[in-house]
Amino acid sequence: MKLIAHRGNTNGPVKHKENTIDYILEAINAGFDCEIDIWKIDNQLYLGHDNPEHLVNYSFLQKYNDKLWVHCKNVQALSFLKDKFNCFYHNYDTYTLTSRGYIWGNINSDIDENIIDVMPELSTKQNRGKVCMGICSDYIIQTKNSIV
């Protein structure tokens, strides 16, 4: 099962650290994949959820390519990254496909063994994360401990 730290969070949200290189590396070094938010503005790549905040080098993305789930925040990022990284774009869609063919759910999406269950801690549905391909959570350490 894929265990994915949402914006680098592993033990609850830490807003001022989310989508920063050091925080992402902490999650990766702890053994998790990481969902990150990427913007492309004027041929530069930036990390940030609501806005482009932290400049990120393309080489960083390449180095950790196998651990990153790239949530493209604008069409420029999606167009630029879609053939090279596991990326996706969505707002309120129930599901979206990543560029590598994974089905990325949304909060309260129905799940099965082929779905990445996103933020089960916020879902009003029961038994989240029990039968799925992966989980993306702000509490991925707790999630890991509960499924072991």
N, C-alpha and C. Protein backbone atom coordinates (compact mmCIF):
# COMPACT_ATOMS: atom_id res chain seq x y z
N MET A 1 0.84 -1.18 0.00
CA MET A 1 0.00 0.00 0.00
C MET A 1 0.88 1.25 0.00
N LYS A 2 0.51 2.20 -0.83
CA LYS A 2 1.25 3.46 -0.90
C LYS A 2 0.79 4.36 0.24
N LEU A 3 1.76 4.89 0.99
CA LEU A 3 1.48 5.81 2.09
C LEU A 3 2.05 7.17 1.72
N ILE A 4 1.17 8.17 1.61
CA ILE A 4 1.53 9.45 1.02
C ILE A 4 1.29 10.57 2.03
N ALA A 5 2.35 11.30 2.36
CA ALA A 5 2.26 12.44 3.27
C ALA A 5 1.71 13.64 2.51
N HIS A 6 0.57 14.13 2.92
CA HIS A 6 -0.10 15.26 2.28
C HIS A 6 0.68 16.55 2.54
N ARG A 7 1.28 17.10 1.48
CA ARG A 7 2.09 18.32 1.55
C ARG A 7 3.29 18.20 2.49
N GLY A 8 3.66 16.97 2.81
CA GLY A 8 4.78 16.73 3.72
C GLY A 8 4.36 16.43 5.13
N ASN A 9 3.08 16.63 5.45
CA ASN A 9 2.59 16.38 6.80
C ASN A 9 2.62 14.88 7.11
N THR A 10 3.13 14.54 8.27
CA THR A 10 3.14 13.13 8.69
C THR A 10 2.41 12.91 10.00
N ASN A 11 2.33 13.95 10.81
CA ASN A 11 1.72 13.81 12.14
C ASN A 11 0.79 14.99 12.42
N GLY A 12 0.00 15.35 11.42
CA GLY A 12 -0.93 16.47 11.53
C GLY A 12 -0.44 17.67 10.74
N PRO A 13 -1.35 18.56 10.36
CA PRO A 13 -0.98 19.71 9.55
C PRO A 13 -0.07 20.69 10.30
N VAL A 14 0.96 21.14 9.59
CA VAL A 14 1.84 22.20 10.09
C VAL A 14 1.93 23.21 8.94
N LYS A 15 0.98 24.12 8.90
CA LYS A 15 0.76 25.00 7.75
C LYS A 15 2.03 25.72 7.29
N HIS A 16 2.83 26.24 8.20
CA HIS A 16 4.00 27.02 7.79
C HIS A 16 5.14 26.16 7.22
N LYS A 17 5.05 24.84 7.37
CA LYS A 17 6.06 23.95 6.82
C LYS A 17 5.60 23.25 5.54
N GLU A 18 4.29 23.18 5.32
CA GLU A 18 3.75 22.44 4.18
C GLU A 18 4.36 22.94 2.86
N ASN A 19 4.62 21.99 1.97
CA ASN A 19 5.16 22.30 0.64
C ASN A 19 6.48 23.06 0.69
N THR A 20 7.30 22.75 1.69
CA THR A 20 8.67 23.28 1.70
C THR A 20 9.62 22.11 1.48
N ILE A 21 10.74 22.37 0.89
CA ILE A 21 11.67 21.30 0.53
C ILE A 21 12.10 20.49 1.75
N ASP A 22 12.49 21.17 2.84
CA ASP A 22 12.94 20.44 4.02
C ASP A 22 11.85 19.53 4.59
N TYR A 23 10.62 20.01 4.59
CA TYR A 23 9.49 19.24 5.14
C TYR A 23 9.17 18.04 4.24
N ILE A 24 9.22 18.26 2.95
CA ILE A 24 9.02 17.16 1.99
C ILE A 24 10.09 16.09 2.19
N LEU A 25 11.32 16.53 2.35
CA LEU A 25 12.42 15.58 2.56
C LEU A 25 12.27 14.82 3.87
N GLU A 26 11.77 15.48 4.92
CA GLU A 26 11.52 14.78 6.19
C GLU A 26 10.56 13.61 5.96
N ALA A 27 9.49 13.87 5.22
CA ALA A 27 8.50 12.81 4.95
C ALA A 27 9.11 11.69 4.13
N ILE A 28 9.85 12.04 3.09
CA ILE A 28 10.48 11.03 2.24
C ILE A 28 11.50 10.22 3.04
N ASN A 29 12.32 10.90 3.83
CA ASN A 29 13.32 10.21 4.64
C ASN A 29 12.71 9.33 5.72
N ALA A 30 11.46 9.61 6.09
CA ALA A 30 10.74 8.77 7.05
C ALA A 30 10.10 7.55 6.36
N GLY A 31 10.27 7.47 5.03
CA GLY A 31 9.80 6.31 4.30
C GLY A 31 8.48 6.48 3.56
N PHE A 32 7.98 7.71 3.46
CA PHE A 32 6.70 7.95 2.82
C PHE A 32 6.87 8.59 1.46
N ASP A 33 5.88 8.39 0.60
CA ASP A 33 5.74 9.21 -0.59
C ASP A 33 5.21 10.56 -0.13
N CYS A 34 5.18 11.53 -1.02
CA CYS A 34 4.72 12.86 -0.63
C CYS A 34 3.90 13.51 -1.74
N GLU A 35 2.74 14.01 -1.39
CA GLU A 35 1.92 14.80 -2.31
C GLU A 35 2.36 16.25 -2.15
N ILE A 36 2.67 16.89 -3.28
CA ILE A 36 3.10 18.28 -3.26
C ILE A 36 2.27 19.10 -4.24
N ASP A 37 2.21 20.38 -4.00
CA ASP A 37 1.48 21.31 -4.86
C ASP A 37 2.49 22.14 -5.65
N ILE A 38 2.35 22.12 -6.98
CA ILE A 38 3.31 22.80 -7.86
C ILE A 38 2.59 23.77 -8.79
N TRP A 39 3.20 24.95 -8.92
CA TRP A 39 2.77 25.99 -9.87
C TRP A 39 3.89 26.21 -10.86
N LYS A 40 3.55 26.57 -12.09
CA LYS A 40 4.54 27.03 -13.06
C LYS A 40 4.16 28.45 -13.46
N ILE A 41 5.05 29.38 -13.16
CA ILE A 41 4.84 30.80 -13.44
C ILE A 41 6.11 31.33 -14.11
N ASP A 42 5.95 31.90 -15.30
CA ASP A 42 7.10 32.50 -16.01
C ASP A 42 8.30 31.55 -16.07
N ASN A 43 8.04 30.31 -16.45
CA ASN A 43 9.08 29.29 -16.61
C ASN A 43 9.81 28.93 -15.31
N GLN A 44 9.21 29.23 -14.18
CA GLN A 44 9.76 28.84 -12.88
C GLN A 44 8.75 27.93 -12.19
N LEU A 45 9.24 26.98 -11.41
CA LEU A 45 8.37 26.09 -10.64
C LEU A 45 8.37 26.51 -9.18
N TYR A 46 7.19 26.48 -8.59
CA TYR A 46 7.02 26.90 -7.21
C TYR A 46 6.18 25.87 -6.46
N LEU A 47 6.52 25.67 -5.19
CA LEU A 47 5.70 24.91 -4.27
C LEU A 47 4.73 25.86 -3.58
N GLY A 48 3.54 25.38 -3.27
CA GLY A 48 2.58 26.18 -2.53
C GLY A 48 1.17 25.71 -2.81
N HIS A 49 0.33 25.72 -1.79
CA HIS A 49 -1.04 25.24 -1.98
C HIS A 49 -1.93 26.31 -2.60
N ASP A 50 -2.14 27.39 -1.92
CA ASP A 50 -3.05 28.43 -2.41
C ASP A 50 -2.37 29.41 -3.37
N ASN A 51 -1.06 29.52 -3.25
CA ASN A 51 -0.28 30.46 -4.06
C ASN A 51 1.10 29.87 -4.31
N PRO A 52 1.77 30.31 -5.37
CA PRO A 52 3.18 29.90 -5.58
C PRO A 52 4.06 30.60 -4.54
N GLU A 53 4.64 29.83 -3.63
CA GLU A 53 5.36 30.43 -2.51
C GLU A 53 6.86 30.16 -2.49
N HIS A 54 7.27 28.92 -2.81
CA HIS A 54 8.66 28.51 -2.63
C HIS A 54 9.22 28.02 -3.96
N LEU A 55 10.22 28.71 -4.48
CA LEU A 55 10.87 28.29 -5.71
C LEU A 55 11.46 26.90 -5.52
N VAL A 56 11.25 26.03 -6.50
CA VAL A 56 11.80 24.67 -6.42
C VAL A 56 12.51 24.37 -7.74
N ASN A 57 13.68 23.76 -7.64
CA ASN A 57 14.44 23.38 -8.82
C ASN A 57 13.86 22.12 -9.45
N TYR A 58 13.88 22.11 -10.75
CA TYR A 58 13.44 20.94 -11.50
C TYR A 58 14.25 19.72 -11.09
N SER A 59 15.52 19.91 -10.81
CA SER A 59 16.39 18.79 -10.42
C SER A 59 15.92 18.14 -9.11
N PHE A 60 15.35 18.91 -8.21
CA PHE A 60 14.79 18.35 -6.97
C PHE A 60 13.64 17.40 -7.32
N LEU A 61 12.75 17.82 -8.20
CA LEU A 61 11.64 16.97 -8.62
C LEU A 61 12.15 15.70 -9.29
N GLN A 62 13.15 15.84 -10.14
CA GLN A 62 13.72 14.67 -10.81
C GLN A 62 14.33 13.69 -9.81
N LYS A 63 15.06 14.20 -8.84
CA LYS A 63 15.74 13.35 -7.87
C LYS A 63 14.76 12.50 -7.07
N TYR A 64 13.61 13.06 -6.74
CA TYR A 64 12.63 12.37 -5.90
C TYR A 64 11.38 11.95 -6.70
N ASN A 65 11.54 11.86 -7.99
CA ASN A 65 10.44 11.56 -8.91
C ASN A 65 9.62 10.34 -8.47
N ASP A 66 10.27 9.29 -8.01
CA ASP A 66 9.55 8.06 -7.65
C ASP A 66 8.79 8.17 -6.34
N LYS A 67 8.97 9.26 -5.60
CA LYS A 67 8.30 9.45 -4.30
C LYS A 67 7.26 10.57 -4.32
N LEU A 68 7.17 11.31 -5.42
CA LEU A 68 6.31 12.49 -5.45
C LEU A 68 5.00 12.26 -6.20
N TRP A 69 3.94 12.79 -5.66
CA TRP A 69 2.61 12.85 -6.27
C TRP A 69 2.34 14.33 -6.45
N VAL A 70 2.45 14.80 -7.69
CA VAL A 70 2.47 16.24 -7.97
C VAL A 70 1.06 16.73 -8.31
N HIS A 71 0.52 17.52 -7.41
CA HIS A 71 -0.78 18.17 -7.64
C HIS A 71 -0.49 19.50 -8.34
N CYS A 72 -0.72 19.53 -9.63
CA CYS A 72 -0.48 20.74 -10.42
C CYS A 72 -1.58 21.74 -10.11
N LYS A 73 -1.17 22.94 -9.78
CA LYS A 73 -2.13 23.96 -9.36
C LYS A 73 -2.54 24.89 -10.50
N ASN A 74 -1.87 24.80 -11.63
CA ASN A 74 -2.31 25.54 -12.82
C ASN A 74 -2.00 24.69 -14.05
N VAL A 75 -2.65 25.04 -15.14
CA VAL A 75 -2.52 24.24 -16.37
C VAL A 75 -1.09 24.27 -16.91
N GLN A 76 -0.37 25.34 -16.67
CA GLN A 76 1.02 25.43 -17.13
C GLN A 76 1.88 24.35 -16.46
N ALA A 77 1.66 24.12 -15.17
CA ALA A 77 2.41 23.08 -14.47
C ALA A 77 2.02 21.70 -15.01
N LEU A 78 0.72 21.47 -15.20
CA LEU A 78 0.27 20.19 -15.71
C LEU A 78 0.83 19.90 -17.09
N SER A 79 0.77 20.87 -17.96
CA SER A 79 1.27 20.69 -19.33
C SER A 79 2.77 20.41 -19.34
N PHE A 80 3.51 21.08 -18.48
CA PHE A 80 4.96 20.94 -18.43
C PHE A 80 5.40 19.61 -17.78
N LEU A 81 4.68 19.13 -16.78
CA LEU A 81 5.14 17.99 -15.99
C LEU A 81 4.50 16.65 -16.35
N LYS A 82 3.41 16.66 -17.10
CA LYS A 82 2.58 15.47 -17.30
C LYS A 82 3.32 14.26 -17.87
N ASP A 83 4.31 14.45 -18.70
CA ASP A 83 5.00 13.32 -19.32
C ASP A 83 6.21 12.83 -18.52
N LYS A 84 6.57 13.56 -17.47
CA LYS A 84 7.79 13.23 -16.75
C LYS A 84 7.56 12.82 -15.30
N PHE A 85 6.41 13.20 -14.74
CA PHE A 85 6.15 12.98 -13.32
C PHE A 85 4.76 12.39 -13.12
N ASN A 86 4.54 11.84 -11.95
CA ASN A 86 3.23 11.36 -11.56
C ASN A 86 2.44 12.57 -11.06
N CYS A 87 1.68 13.18 -11.96
CA CYS A 87 1.00 14.41 -11.60
C CYS A 87 -0.48 14.36 -11.97
N PHE A 88 -1.22 15.31 -11.41
CA PHE A 88 -2.65 15.38 -11.66
C PHE A 88 -3.11 16.81 -11.40
N TYR A 89 -4.32 17.09 -11.84
CA TYR A 89 -4.97 18.37 -11.58
C TYR A 89 -6.41 18.07 -11.20
N HIS A 90 -6.88 18.68 -10.14
CA HIS A 90 -8.30 18.61 -9.81
C HIS A 90 -8.64 19.69 -8.80
N ASN A 91 -9.91 20.02 -8.73
CA ASN A 91 -10.42 20.93 -7.71
C ASN A 91 -11.42 20.18 -6.85
N TYR A 92 -12.60 19.98 -7.39
CA TYR A 92 -13.67 19.36 -6.62
C TYR A 92 -14.14 18.05 -7.23
N ASP A 93 -13.37 17.53 -8.18
CA ASP A 93 -13.73 16.27 -8.83
C ASP A 93 -13.76 15.14 -7.81
N THR A 94 -14.67 14.22 -8.01
CA THR A 94 -14.74 13.05 -7.15
C THR A 94 -13.49 12.19 -7.33
N TYR A 95 -13.05 12.06 -8.58
CA TYR A 95 -11.84 11.31 -8.91
C TYR A 95 -11.11 12.03 -10.03
N THR A 96 -9.81 11.80 -10.09
CA THR A 96 -9.03 12.21 -11.23
C THR A 96 -7.97 11.13 -11.47
N LEU A 97 -7.48 11.04 -12.69
CA LEU A 97 -6.39 10.11 -13.00
C LEU A 97 -5.07 10.85 -12.97
N THR A 98 -4.06 10.23 -12.37
CA THR A 98 -2.74 10.82 -12.45
C THR A 98 -2.15 10.49 -13.82
N SER A 99 -1.09 11.15 -14.17
CA SER A 99 -0.46 10.93 -15.47
C SER A 99 0.12 9.52 -15.59
N ARG A 100 0.25 8.82 -14.47
CA ARG A 100 0.71 7.42 -14.49
C ARG A 100 -0.43 6.43 -14.32
N GLY A 101 -1.66 6.92 -14.40
CA GLY A 101 -2.82 6.04 -14.41
C GLY A 101 -3.40 5.67 -13.05
N TYR A 102 -2.95 6.29 -11.98
CA TYR A 102 -3.53 6.04 -10.67
C TYR A 102 -4.84 6.81 -10.54
N ILE A 103 -5.81 6.22 -9.84
CA ILE A 103 -7.07 6.91 -9.58
C ILE A 103 -6.94 7.62 -8.23
N TRP A 104 -6.96 8.94 -8.29
CA TRP A 104 -6.81 9.78 -7.10
C TRP A 104 -8.20 10.20 -6.64
N GLY A 105 -8.58 9.79 -5.45
CA GLY A 105 -9.89 10.13 -4.92
C GLY A 105 -9.92 11.55 -4.36
N ASN A 106 -11.04 11.87 -3.76
CA ASN A 106 -11.21 13.12 -3.06
C ASN A 106 -11.85 12.78 -1.72
N ILE A 107 -11.92 13.70 -0.82
CA ILE A 107 -12.54 13.45 0.48
C ILE A 107 -13.97 12.94 0.23
N ASN A 108 -14.30 11.84 0.86
CA ASN A 108 -15.62 11.21 0.76
C ASN A 108 -15.87 10.46 -0.54
N SER A 109 -14.86 10.31 -1.40
CA SER A 109 -15.03 9.46 -2.58
C SER A 109 -15.20 8.02 -2.13
N ASP A 110 -16.01 7.27 -2.86
CA ASP A 110 -16.06 5.83 -2.60
C ASP A 110 -14.70 5.25 -2.95
N ILE A 111 -14.30 4.21 -2.25
CA ILE A 111 -12.99 3.62 -2.50
C ILE A 111 -13.10 2.14 -2.80
N ASP A 112 -12.08 1.64 -3.47
CA ASP A 112 -11.88 0.21 -3.67
C ASP A 112 -10.39 -0.03 -3.78
N GLU A 113 -10.00 -1.22 -4.18
CA GLU A 113 -8.58 -1.58 -4.18
C GLU A 113 -7.74 -0.83 -5.20
N ASN A 114 -8.36 -0.05 -6.09
CA ASN A 114 -7.62 0.68 -7.11
C ASN A 114 -7.55 2.19 -6.86
N ILE A 115 -8.03 2.64 -5.73
CA ILE A 115 -8.16 4.07 -5.44
C ILE A 115 -7.10 4.53 -4.45
N ILE A 116 -6.58 5.73 -4.65
CA ILE A 116 -5.81 6.41 -3.61
C ILE A 116 -6.84 7.15 -2.75
N ASP A 117 -6.96 6.77 -1.50
CA ASP A 117 -7.90 7.35 -0.55
C ASP A 117 -7.28 8.63 0.02
N VAL A 118 -7.90 9.76 -0.25
CA VAL A 118 -7.34 11.06 0.13
C VAL A 118 -8.03 11.60 1.37
N MET A 119 -7.23 11.90 2.38
CA MET A 119 -7.67 12.52 3.63
C MET A 119 -8.79 11.74 4.31
N PRO A 120 -8.59 10.45 4.56
CA PRO A 120 -9.65 9.67 5.20
C PRO A 120 -10.04 10.22 6.57
N GLU A 121 -9.12 10.95 7.20
CA GLU A 121 -9.43 11.53 8.52
C GLU A 121 -10.52 12.60 8.46
N LEU A 122 -10.78 13.14 7.25
CA LEU A 122 -11.82 14.15 7.09
C LEU A 122 -13.11 13.57 6.52
N SER A 123 -13.10 12.31 6.19
CA SER A 123 -14.26 11.68 5.57
C SER A 123 -15.37 11.42 6.58
N THR A 124 -16.59 11.54 6.12
CA THR A 124 -17.75 11.18 6.94
C THR A 124 -18.13 9.72 6.73
N LYS A 125 -17.47 9.06 5.79
CA LYS A 125 -17.74 7.64 5.53
C LYS A 125 -16.88 6.78 6.44
N GLN A 126 -17.36 5.61 6.74
CA GLN A 126 -16.67 4.69 7.65
C GLN A 126 -15.69 3.79 6.89
N ASN A 127 -14.78 3.20 7.64
CA ASN A 127 -13.84 2.19 7.12
C ASN A 127 -12.98 2.71 5.98
N ARG A 128 -12.52 3.93 6.08
CA ARG A 128 -11.63 4.47 5.07
C ARG A 128 -10.26 3.79 5.16
N GLY A 129 -9.60 3.67 4.03
CA GLY A 129 -8.25 3.16 4.00
C GLY A 129 -8.12 1.67 4.24
N LYS A 130 -9.22 0.95 4.35
CA LYS A 130 -9.14 -0.49 4.62
C LYS A 130 -8.88 -1.29 3.35
N VAL A 131 -9.51 -0.90 2.25
CA VAL A 131 -9.34 -1.61 0.98
C VAL A 131 -9.05 -0.55 -0.07
N CYS A 132 -7.78 -0.25 -0.27
CA CYS A 132 -7.42 0.76 -1.26
C CYS A 132 -5.96 0.55 -1.68
N MET A 133 -5.57 1.22 -2.75
CA MET A 133 -4.21 1.12 -3.26
C MET A 133 -3.24 1.94 -2.43
N GLY A 134 -3.75 3.06 -1.88
CA GLY A 134 -2.90 3.94 -1.11
C GLY A 134 -3.72 4.95 -0.34
N ILE A 135 -3.04 5.63 0.57
CA ILE A 135 -3.69 6.65 1.40
C ILE A 135 -2.82 7.89 1.39
N CYS A 136 -3.47 9.05 1.20
CA CYS A 136 -2.81 10.35 1.33
C CYS A 136 -3.43 11.04 2.53
N SER A 137 -2.60 11.38 3.50
CA SER A 137 -3.12 11.89 4.76
C SER A 137 -2.15 12.88 5.41
N ASP A 138 -2.71 13.78 6.21
CA ASP A 138 -1.89 14.65 7.08
C ASP A 138 -1.36 13.87 8.27
N TYR A 139 -1.96 12.70 8.53
CA TYR A 139 -1.61 11.87 9.69
C TYR A 139 -1.11 10.50 9.21
N ILE A 140 -0.16 10.50 8.30
CA ILE A 140 0.25 9.26 7.65
C ILE A 140 0.99 8.32 8.62
N ILE A 141 1.65 8.86 9.63
CA ILE A 141 2.29 7.99 10.63
C ILE A 141 1.22 7.21 11.40
N GLN A 142 0.20 7.91 11.84
CA GLN A 142 -0.90 7.26 12.55
C GLN A 142 -1.61 6.25 11.64
N THR A 143 -1.78 6.62 10.38
CA THR A 143 -2.41 5.72 9.41
C THR A 143 -1.57 4.46 9.27
N LYS A 144 -0.26 4.62 9.11
CA LYS A 144 0.62 3.46 8.97
C LYS A 144 0.51 2.55 10.19
N ASN A 145 0.51 3.14 11.37
CA ASN A 145 0.45 2.34 12.60
C ASN A 145 -0.89 1.61 12.73
N SER A 146 -1.95 2.17 12.17
CA SER A 146 -3.26 1.54 12.31
C SER A 146 -3.48 0.40 11.32
N ILE A 147 -2.69 0.36 10.24
CA ILE A 147 -2.88 -0.72 9.26
C ILE A 147 -1.85 -1.82 9.38
N VAL A 148 -0.88 -1.64 10.25
CA VAL A 148 0.17 -2.65 10.42
C VAL A 148 -0.36 -3.83 11.20
